[in-house]
Amino acid sequence: MEERRRGVVEGAVFEGCVGVGKDGKLFTWADVDPSVRVGTCAVGFGDGTILTGSAQPGGAQRFLWVGAKEGENGKVEVMDVPIEFSGD
């Protein structure tokens, strides 16, 4: 059995949001980028998805934009947000 600290098992994702891929199968947004593996949350917004989370428990929050327009499906871009939203 793996050691648990604060509800986290290294390498596993316990919190997160799931999405539905083009093939109709579920996927976890936490696998899109390692900088948002913990506390992952995804919100559909216009022609893409705003993805938030952190790389480790208690880490700074990252904000990513995942494009969904024709020609940019799955393109991930870091969003610049004011420091007060990052948790630093």
PDB file of N, CA and C in Angstrom:
ATOM      1  N   MET A   1       0.849  -1.183   0.000  1.00  0.00           N
ATOM      2  CA  MET A   1       0.000   0.000   0.000  1.00  0.00           C
ATOM      3  C   MET A   1       0.896   1.248   0.000  1.00  0.00           C
ATOM      4  N   GLU A   2       0.551   2.215  -0.818  1.00  0.00           N
ATOM      5  CA  GLU A   2       1.340   3.434  -0.920  1.00  0.00           C
ATOM      6  C   GLU A   2       1.050   4.368   0.255  1.00  0.00           C
ATOM      7  N   GLU A   3       2.078   5.107   0.650  1.00  0.00           N
ATOM      8  CA  GLU A   3       1.921   6.062   1.745  1.00  0.00           C
ATOM      9  C   GLU A   3       1.052   7.227   1.294  1.00  0.00           C
ATOM     10  N   ARG A   4       0.136   7.628   2.128  1.00  0.00           N
ATOM     11  CA  ARG A   4      -0.741   8.760   1.814  1.00  0.00           C
ATOM     12  C   ARG A   4      -0.395   9.933   2.702  1.00  0.00           C
ATOM     13  N   ARG A   5      -0.275  11.104   2.088  1.00  0.00           N
ATOM     14  CA  ARG A   5      -0.055  12.350   2.821  1.00  0.00           C
ATOM     15  C   ARG A   5      -1.094  13.346   2.350  1.00  0.00           C
ATOM     16  N   ARG A   6      -1.871  13.867   3.273  1.00  0.00           N
ATOM     17  CA  ARG A   6      -2.909  14.846   2.955  1.00  0.00           C
ATOM     18  C   ARG A   6      -3.807  14.369   1.810  1.00  0.00           C
ATOM     19  N   GLY A   7      -4.102  13.071   1.769  1.00  0.00           N
ATOM     20  CA  GLY A   7      -5.006  12.562   0.744  1.00  0.00           C
ATOM     21  C   GLY A   7      -4.381  12.416  -0.625  1.00  0.00           C
ATOM     22  N   VAL A   8      -3.054  12.499  -0.724  1.00  0.00           N
ATOM     23  CA  VAL A   8      -2.400  12.435  -2.036  1.00  0.00           C
ATOM     24  C   VAL A   8      -1.466  11.238  -2.076  1.00  0.00           C
ATOM     25  N   VAL A   9      -1.555  10.443  -3.107  1.00  0.00           N
ATOM     26  CA  VAL A   9      -0.613   9.373  -3.367  1.00  0.00           C
ATOM     27  C   VAL A   9       0.213   9.810  -4.559  1.00  0.00           C
ATOM     28  N   GLU A  10       1.521   9.833  -4.405  1.00  0.00           N
ATOM     29  CA  GLU A  10       2.389  10.315  -5.477  1.00  0.00           C
ATOM     30  C   GLU A  10       2.096   9.580  -6.775  1.00  0.00           C
ATOM     31  N   GLY A  11       1.969  10.352  -7.862  1.00  0.00           N
ATOM     32  CA  GLY A  11       1.720   9.782  -9.172  1.00  0.00           C
ATOM     33  C   GLY A  11       0.254   9.529  -9.470  1.00  0.00           C
ATOM     34  N   ALA A  12      -0.611   9.755  -8.497  1.00  0.00           N
ATOM     35  CA  ALA A  12      -2.037   9.520  -8.709  1.00  0.00           C
ATOM     36  C   ALA A  12      -2.790  10.839  -8.678  1.00  0.00           C
ATOM     37  N   VAL A  13      -3.937  10.858  -9.288  1.00  0.00           N
ATOM     38  CA  VAL A  13      -4.775  12.050  -9.299  1.00  0.00           C
ATOM     39  C   VAL A  13      -6.087  11.704  -8.606  1.00  0.00           C
ATOM     40  N   PHE A  14      -6.347  12.349  -7.462  1.00  0.00           N
ATOM     41  CA  PHE A  14      -7.582  12.109  -6.735  1.00  0.00           C
ATOM     42  C   PHE A  14      -8.607  13.196  -6.974  1.00  0.00           C
ATOM     43  N   GLU A  15      -8.166  14.390  -7.264  1.00  0.00           N
ATOM     44  CA  GLU A  15      -9.076  15.469  -7.575  1.00  0.00           C
ATOM     45  C   GLU A  15      -8.939  15.740  -9.061  1.00  0.00           C
ATOM     46  N   GLY A  16      -9.970  16.193  -9.658  1.00  0.00           N
ATOM     47  CA  GLY A  16      -9.842  16.537 -11.065  1.00  0.00           C
ATOM     48  C   GLY A  16     -11.176  16.605 -11.757  1.00  0.00           C
ATOM     49  N   CYS A  17     -11.093  17.009 -12.966  1.00  0.00           N
ATOM     50  CA  CYS A  17     -12.258  17.077 -13.822  1.00  0.00           C
ATOM     51  C   CYS A  17     -12.025  16.124 -14.987  1.00  0.00           C
ATOM     52  N   VAL A  18     -13.091  15.585 -15.470  1.00  0.00           N
ATOM     53  CA  VAL A  18     -12.990  14.722 -16.639  1.00  0.00           C
ATOM     54  C   VAL A  18     -13.616  15.413 -17.829  1.00  0.00           C
ATOM     55  N   GLY A  19     -13.179  15.016 -18.994  1.00  0.00           N
ATOM     56  CA  GLY A  19     -13.744  15.519 -20.229  1.00  0.00           C
ATOM     57  C   GLY A  19     -14.131  14.335 -21.093  1.00  0.00           C
ATOM     58  N   VAL A  20     -14.784  14.629 -22.192  1.00  0.00           N
ATOM     59  CA  VAL A  20     -15.151  13.601 -23.154  1.00  0.00           C
ATOM     60  C   VAL A  20     -14.407  13.906 -24.439  1.00  0.00           C
ATOM     61  N   GLY A  21     -13.580  12.961 -24.882  1.00  0.00           N
ATOM     62  CA  GLY A  21     -12.800  13.142 -26.098  1.00  0.00           C
ATOM     63  C   GLY A  21     -13.655  13.003 -27.341  1.00  0.00           C
ATOM     64  N   LYS A  22     -13.066  13.304 -28.492  1.00  0.00           N
ATOM     65  CA  LYS A  22     -13.782  13.192 -29.761  1.00  0.00           C
ATOM     66  C   LYS A  22     -14.255  11.763 -30.028  1.00  0.00           C
ATOM     67  N   ASP A  23     -13.536  10.803 -29.425  1.00  0.00           N
ATOM     68  CA  ASP A  23     -13.909   9.398 -29.593  1.00  0.00           C
ATOM     69  C   ASP A  23     -15.017   8.965 -28.641  1.00  0.00           C
ATOM     70  N   GLY A  24     -15.489   9.907 -27.789  1.00  0.00           N
ATOM     71  CA  GLY A  24     -16.561   9.615 -26.849  1.00  0.00           C
ATOM     72  C   GLY A  24     -16.095   9.009 -25.540  1.00  0.00           C
ATOM     73  N   LYS A  25     -14.782   8.821 -25.382  1.00  0.00           N
ATOM     74  CA  LYS A  25     -14.241   8.237 -24.157  1.00  0.00           C
ATOM     75  C   LYS A  25     -13.890   9.340 -23.161  1.00  0.00           C
ATOM     76  N   LEU A  26     -14.019   9.008 -21.861  1.00  0.00           N
ATOM     77  CA  LEU A  26     -13.657   9.948 -20.804  1.00  0.00           C
ATOM     78  C   LEU A  26     -12.143  10.060 -20.683  1.00  0.00           C
ATOM     79  N   PHE A  27     -11.671  11.249 -20.322  1.00  0.00           N
ATOM     80  CA  PHE A  27     -10.257  11.462 -20.035  1.00  0.00           C
ATOM     81  C   PHE A  27     -10.160  12.432 -18.866  1.00  0.00           C
ATOM     82  N   THR A  28      -9.018  12.451 -18.199  1.00  0.00           N
ATOM     83  CA  THR A  28      -8.823  13.390 -17.104  1.00  0.00           C
ATOM     84  C   THR A  28      -8.027  14.593 -17.599  1.00  0.00           C
ATOM     85  N   TRP A  29      -8.508  15.762 -17.288  1.00  0.00           N
ATOM     86  CA  TRP A  29      -7.819  16.994 -17.676  1.00  0.00           C
ATOM     87  C   TRP A  29      -6.454  17.087 -17.006  1.00  0.00           C
ATOM     88  N   ALA A  30      -6.265  16.399 -15.877  1.00  0.00           N
ATOM     89  CA  ALA A  30      -4.991  16.446 -15.155  1.00  0.00           C
ATOM     90  C   ALA A  30      -3.845  15.883 -15.990  1.00  0.00           C
ATOM     91  N   ASP A  31      -4.148  15.079 -17.003  1.00  0.00           N
ATOM     92  CA  ASP A  31      -3.105  14.510 -17.857  1.00  0.00           C
ATOM     93  C   ASP A  31      -2.697  15.431 -19.007  1.00  0.00           C
ATOM     94  N   VAL A  32      -3.378  16.555 -19.163  1.00  0.00           N
ATOM     95  CA  VAL A  32      -3.067  17.472 -20.270  1.00  0.00           C
ATOM     96  C   VAL A  32      -1.695  18.104 -20.089  1.00  0.00           C
ATOM     97  N   ASP A  33      -1.352  18.474 -18.859  1.00  0.00           N
ATOM     98  CA  ASP A  33      -0.076  19.139 -18.582  1.00  0.00           C
ATOM     99  C   ASP A  33       0.308  18.840 -17.136  1.00  0.00           C
ATOM    100  N   PRO A  34       1.576  18.471 -16.876  1.00  0.00           N
ATOM    101  CA  PRO A  34       1.973  18.129 -15.502  1.00  0.00           C
ATOM    102  C   PRO A  34       1.895  19.307 -14.522  1.00  0.00           C
ATOM    103  N   SER A  35       1.823  20.538 -15.026  1.00  0.00           N
ATOM    104  CA  SER A  35       1.764  21.696 -14.133  1.00  0.00           C
ATOM    105  C   SER A  35       0.387  21.881 -13.510  1.00  0.00           C
ATOM    106  N   VAL A  36      -0.604  21.065 -13.906  1.00  0.00           N
ATOM    107  CA  VAL A  36      -1.959  21.171 -13.345  1.00  0.00           C
ATOM    108  C   VAL A  36      -2.492  19.820 -12.876  1.00  0.00           C
ATOM    109  N   ARG A  37      -1.626  18.943 -12.394  1.00  0.00           N
ATOM    110  CA  ARG A  37      -2.040  17.590 -11.981  1.00  0.00           C
ATOM    111  C   ARG A  37      -2.815  17.551 -10.668  1.00  0.00           C
ATOM    112  N   VAL A  38      -2.656  18.534  -9.802  1.00  0.00           N
ATOM    113  CA  VAL A  38      -3.298  18.512  -8.482  1.00  0.00           C
ATOM    114  C   VAL A  38      -4.384  19.585  -8.423  1.00  0.00           C
ATOM    115  N   GLY A  39      -5.561  19.193  -7.971  1.00  0.00           N
ATOM    116  CA  GLY A  39      -6.663  20.149  -7.846  1.00  0.00           C
ATOM    117  C   GLY A  39      -7.143  20.661  -9.181  1.00  0.00           C
ATOM    118  N   THR A  40      -7.073  19.829 -10.195  1.00  0.00           N
ATOM    119  CA  THR A  40      -7.407  20.228 -11.560  1.00  0.00           C
ATOM    120  C   THR A  40      -8.881  20.585 -11.708  1.00  0.00           C
ATOM    121  N   CYS A  41      -9.128  21.677 -12.402  1.00  0.00           N
ATOM    122  CA  CYS A  41     -10.493  22.091 -12.711  1.00  0.00           C
ATOM    123  C   CYS A  41     -10.512  22.633 -14.133  1.00  0.00           C
ATOM    124  N   ALA A  42     -11.499  22.231 -14.893  1.00  0.00           N
ATOM    125  CA  ALA A  42     -11.631  22.679 -16.272  1.00  0.00           C
ATOM    126  C   ALA A  42     -13.009  23.294 -16.475  1.00  0.00           C
ATOM    127  N   VAL A  43     -13.038  24.430 -17.187  1.00  0.00           N
ATOM    128  CA  VAL A  43     -14.291  25.120 -17.468  1.00  0.00           C
ATOM    129  C   VAL A  43     -14.322  25.470 -18.946  1.00  0.00           C
ATOM    130  N   GLY A  44     -15.339  24.980 -19.645  1.00  0.00           N
ATOM    131  CA  GLY A  44     -15.508  25.332 -21.043  1.00  0.00           C
ATOM    132  C   GLY A  44     -15.808  26.810 -21.159  1.00  0.00           C
ATOM    133  N   PHE A  45     -15.138  27.467 -22.108  1.00  0.00           N
ATOM    134  CA  PHE A  45     -15.289  28.908 -22.246  1.00  0.00           C
ATOM    135  C   PHE A  45     -15.118  29.272 -23.715  1.00  0.00           C
ATOM    136  N   GLY A  46     -16.202  29.576 -24.386  1.00  0.00           N
ATOM    137  CA  GLY A  46     -16.121  29.947 -25.803  1.00  0.00           C
ATOM    138  C   GLY A  46     -15.556  28.820 -26.646  1.00  0.00           C
ATOM    139  N   ASP A  47     -14.470  29.108 -27.355  1.00  0.00           N
ATOM    140  CA  ASP A  47     -13.853  28.143 -28.262  1.00  0.00           C
ATOM    141  C   ASP A  47     -12.739  27.342 -27.611  1.00  0.00           C
ATOM    142  N   GLY A  48     -12.803  27.137 -26.310  1.00  0.00           N
ATOM    143  CA  GLY A  48     -11.761  26.373 -25.633  1.00  0.00           C
ATOM    144  C   GLY A  48     -12.130  26.083 -24.200  1.00  0.00           C
ATOM    145  N   THR A  49     -11.109  25.762 -23.428  1.00  0.00           N
ATOM    146  CA  THR A  49     -11.292  25.397 -22.029  1.00  0.00           C
ATOM    147  C   THR A  49     -10.235  26.082 -21.184  1.00  0.00           C
ATOM    148  N   ILE A  50     -10.652  26.676 -20.065  1.00  0.00           N
ATOM    149  CA  ILE A  50      -9.707  27.218 -19.095  1.00  0.00           C
ATOM    150  C   ILE A  50      -9.422  26.087 -18.110  1.00  0.00           C
ATOM    151  N   LEU A  51      -8.155  25.792 -17.923  1.00  0.00           N
ATOM    152  CA  LEU A  51      -7.719  24.679 -17.094  1.00  0.00           C
ATOM    153  C   LEU A  51      -6.847  25.220 -15.972  1.00  0.00           C
ATOM    154  N   THR A  52      -7.175  24.876 -14.725  1.00  0.00           N
ATOM    155  CA  THR A  52      -6.395  25.350 -13.577  1.00  0.00           C
ATOM    156  C   THR A  52      -5.971  24.169 -12.721  1.00  0.00           C
ATOM    157  N   GLY A  53      -4.933  24.380 -11.936  1.00  0.00           N
ATOM    158  CA  GLY A  53      -4.442  23.367 -11.014  1.00  0.00           C
ATOM    159  C   GLY A  53      -3.013  23.700 -10.642  1.00  0.00           C
ATOM    160  N   SER A  54      -2.348  22.785  -9.930  1.00  0.00           N
ATOM    161  CA  SER A  54      -0.956  23.003  -9.567  1.00  0.00           C
ATOM    162  C   SER A  54      -0.172  21.707  -9.785  1.00  0.00           C
ATOM    163  N   ALA A  55       1.139  21.836  -9.775  1.00  0.00           N
ATOM    164  CA  ALA A  55       2.004  20.686 -10.021  1.00  0.00           C
ATOM    165  C   ALA A  55       2.128  19.796  -8.795  1.00  0.00           C
ATOM    166  N   GLN A  56       1.908  20.357  -7.617  1.00  0.00           N
ATOM    167  CA  GLN A  56       2.064  19.598  -6.373  1.00  0.00           C
ATOM    168  C   GLN A  56       1.120  20.161  -5.319  1.00  0.00           C
ATOM    169  N   PRO A  57       0.809  19.372  -4.294  1.00  0.00           N
ATOM    170  CA  PRO A  57      -0.064  19.881  -3.233  1.00  0.00           C
ATOM    171  C   PRO A  57       0.518  21.148  -2.615  1.00  0.00           C
ATOM    172  N   GLY A  58      -0.297  22.188  -2.506  1.00  0.00           N
ATOM    173  CA  GLY A  58       0.143  23.453  -1.930  1.00  0.00           C
ATOM    174  C   GLY A  58       0.933  24.321  -2.885  1.00  0.00           C
ATOM    175  N   GLY A  59       1.104  23.874  -4.116  1.00  0.00           N
ATOM    176  CA  GLY A  59       1.877  24.635  -5.101  1.00  0.00           C
ATOM    177  C   GLY A  59       1.084  25.773  -5.708  1.00  0.00           C
ATOM    178  N   ALA A  60       1.786  26.621  -6.424  1.00  0.00           N
ATOM    179  CA  ALA A  60       1.150  27.753  -7.101  1.00  0.00           C
ATOM    180  C   ALA A  60       0.170  27.248  -8.159  1.00  0.00           C
ATOM    181  N   GLN A  61      -0.935  27.960  -8.291  1.00  0.00           N
ATOM    182  CA  GLN A  61      -1.934  27.624  -9.300  1.00  0.00           C
ATOM    183  C   GLN A  61      -1.461  28.061 -10.679  1.00  0.00           C
ATOM    184  N   ARG A  62      -1.667  27.211 -11.656  1.00  0.00           N
ATOM    185  CA  ARG A  62      -1.371  27.541 -13.056  1.00  0.00           C
ATOM    186  C   ARG A  62      -2.697  27.674 -13.788  1.00  0.00           C
ATOM    187  N   PHE A  63      -2.719  28.522 -14.774  1.00  0.00           N
ATOM    188  CA  PHE A  63      -3.896  28.720 -15.612  1.00  0.00           C
ATOM    189  C   PHE A  63      -3.488  28.450 -17.047  1.00  0.00           C
ATOM    190  N   LEU A  64      -4.188  27.543 -17.694  1.00  0.00           N
ATOM    191  CA  LEU A  64      -3.883  27.186 -19.074  1.00  0.00           C
ATOM    192  C   LEU A  64      -5.126  27.374 -19.931  1.00  0.00           C
ATOM    193  N   TRP A  65      -4.898  27.661 -21.201  1.00  0.00           N
ATOM    194  CA  TRP A  65      -5.967  27.730 -22.191  1.00  0.00           C
ATOM    195  C   TRP A  65      -5.762  26.563 -23.144  1.00  0.00           C
ATOM    196  N   VAL A  66      -6.791  25.739 -23.307  1.00  0.00           N
ATOM    197  CA  VAL A  66      -6.733  24.617 -24.239  1.00  0.00           C
ATOM    198  C   VAL A  66      -7.687  24.942 -25.378  1.00  0.00           C
ATOM    199  N   GLY A  67      -7.112  25.207 -26.545  1.00  0.00           N
ATOM    200  CA  GLY A  67      -7.907  25.613 -27.698  1.00  0.00           C
ATOM    201  C   GLY A  67      -8.745  24.490 -28.271  1.00  0.00           C
ATOM    202  N   ALA A  68      -9.916  24.852 -28.772  1.00  0.00           N
ATOM    203  CA  ALA A  68     -10.816  23.863 -29.365  1.00  0.00           C
ATOM    204  C   ALA A  68     -11.310  24.280 -30.742  1.00  0.00           C
ATOM    205  N   LYS A  69     -10.820  25.416 -31.253  1.00  0.00           N
ATOM    206  CA  LYS A  69     -11.216  25.855 -32.592  1.00  0.00           C
ATOM    207  C   LYS A  69     -10.587  24.947 -33.635  1.00  0.00           C
ATOM    208  N   GLU A  70     -11.164  24.942 -34.801  1.00  0.00           N
ATOM    209  CA  GLU A  70     -10.615  24.174 -35.910  1.00  0.00           C
ATOM    210  C   GLU A  70      -9.156  24.560 -36.127  1.00  0.00           C
ATOM    211  N   GLY A  71      -8.285  23.585 -36.202  1.00  0.00           N
ATOM    212  CA  GLY A  71      -6.868  23.846 -36.437  1.00  0.00           C
ATOM    213  C   GLY A  71      -6.041  24.013 -35.178  1.00  0.00           C
ATOM    214  N   GLU A  72      -6.664  24.180 -34.011  1.00  0.00           N
ATOM    215  CA  GLU A  72      -5.895  24.315 -32.778  1.00  0.00           C
ATOM    216  C   GLU A  72      -6.356  23.335 -31.699  1.00  0.00           C
ATOM    217  N   ASN A  73      -7.064  22.289 -32.103  1.00  0.00           N
ATOM    218  CA  ASN A  73      -7.564  21.313 -31.136  1.00  0.00           C
ATOM    219  C   ASN A  73      -6.460  20.802 -30.231  1.00  0.00           C
ATOM    220  N   GLY A  74      -6.627  21.025 -28.944  1.00  0.00           N
ATOM    221  CA  GLY A  74      -5.678  20.533 -27.968  1.00  0.00           C
ATOM    222  C   GLY A  74      -4.462  21.401 -27.758  1.00  0.00           C
ATOM    223  N   LYS A  75      -4.337  22.525 -28.467  1.00  0.00           N
ATOM    224  CA  LYS A  75      -3.193  23.412 -28.274  1.00  0.00           C
ATOM    225  C   LYS A  75      -3.275  24.023 -26.881  1.00  0.00           C
ATOM    226  N   VAL A  76      -2.187  23.873 -26.093  1.00  0.00           N
ATOM    227  CA  VAL A  76      -2.163  24.354 -24.716  1.00  0.00           C
ATOM    228  C   VAL A  76      -1.302  25.601 -24.623  1.00  0.00           C
ATOM    229  N   GLU A  77      -1.860  26.665 -24.043  1.00  0.00           N
ATOM    230  CA  GLU A  77      -1.126  27.918 -23.847  1.00  0.00           C
ATOM    231  C   GLU A  77      -1.228  28.332 -22.386  1.00  0.00           C
ATOM    232  N   VAL A  78      -0.118  28.833 -21.838  1.00  0.00           N
ATOM    233  CA  VAL A  78      -0.121  29.351 -20.463  1.00  0.00           C
ATOM    234  C   VAL A  78      -0.817  30.708 -20.468  1.00  0.00           C
ATOM    235  N   MET A  79      -1.735  30.902 -19.529  1.00  0.00           N
ATOM    236  CA  MET A  79      -2.425  32.180 -19.400  1.00  0.00           C
ATOM    237  C   MET A  79      -1.720  33.011 -18.334  1.00  0.00           C
ATOM    238  N   ASP A  80      -1.489  34.272 -18.630  1.00  0.00           N
ATOM    239  CA  ASP A  80      -0.924  35.193 -17.635  1.00  0.00           C
ATOM    240  C   ASP A  80      -2.066  35.737 -16.789  1.00  0.00           C
ATOM    241  N   VAL A  81      -1.959  35.541 -15.475  1.00  0.00           N
ATOM    242  CA  VAL A  81      -2.974  36.052 -14.559  1.00  0.00           C
ATOM    243  C   VAL A  81      -2.268  36.851 -13.462  1.00  0.00           C
ATOM    244  N   PRO A  82      -2.959  37.798 -12.837  1.00  0.00           N
ATOM    245  CA  PRO A  82      -2.351  38.560 -11.744  1.00  0.00           C
ATOM    246  C   PRO A  82      -1.899  37.632 -10.617  1.00  0.00           C
ATOM    247  N   ILE A  83      -0.848  37.993  -9.928  1.00  0.00           N
ATOM    248  CA  ILE A  83      -0.228  37.191  -8.880  1.00  0.00           C
ATOM    249  C   ILE A  83      -1.229  36.781  -7.793  1.00  0.00           C
ATOM    250  N   GLU A  84      -2.230  37.618  -7.521  1.00  0.00           N
ATOM    251  CA  GLU A  84      -3.184  37.294  -6.461  1.00  0.00           C
ATOM    252  C   GLU A  84      -4.031  36.064  -6.788  1.00  0.00           C
ATOM    253  N   PHE A  85      -4.035  35.609  -8.039  1.00  0.00           N
ATOM    254  CA  PHE A  85      -4.788  34.413  -8.428  1.00  0.00           C
ATOM    255  C   PHE A  85      -3.924  33.164  -8.441  1.00  0.00           C
ATOM    256  N   SER A  86      -2.627  33.284  -8.261  1.00  0.00           N
ATOM    257  CA  SER A  86      -1.724  32.136  -8.417  1.00  0.00           C
ATOM    258  C   SER A  86      -1.489  31.344  -7.142  1.00  0.00           C
ATOM    259  N   GLY A  87      -1.769  31.939  -5.991  1.00  0.00           N
ATOM    260  CA  GLY A  87      -1.509  31.252  -4.733  1.00  0.00           C
ATOM    261  C   GLY A  87      -0.071  31.365  -4.274  1.00  0.00           C
ATOM    262  N   ASP A  88       0.763  32.129  -4.994  1.00  0.00           N
ATOM    263  CA  ASP A  88       2.171  32.314  -4.588  1.00  0.00           C
ATOM    264  C   ASP A  88       2.266  33.218  -3.400  1.00  0.00           C
TER     265      ASP A  88
END
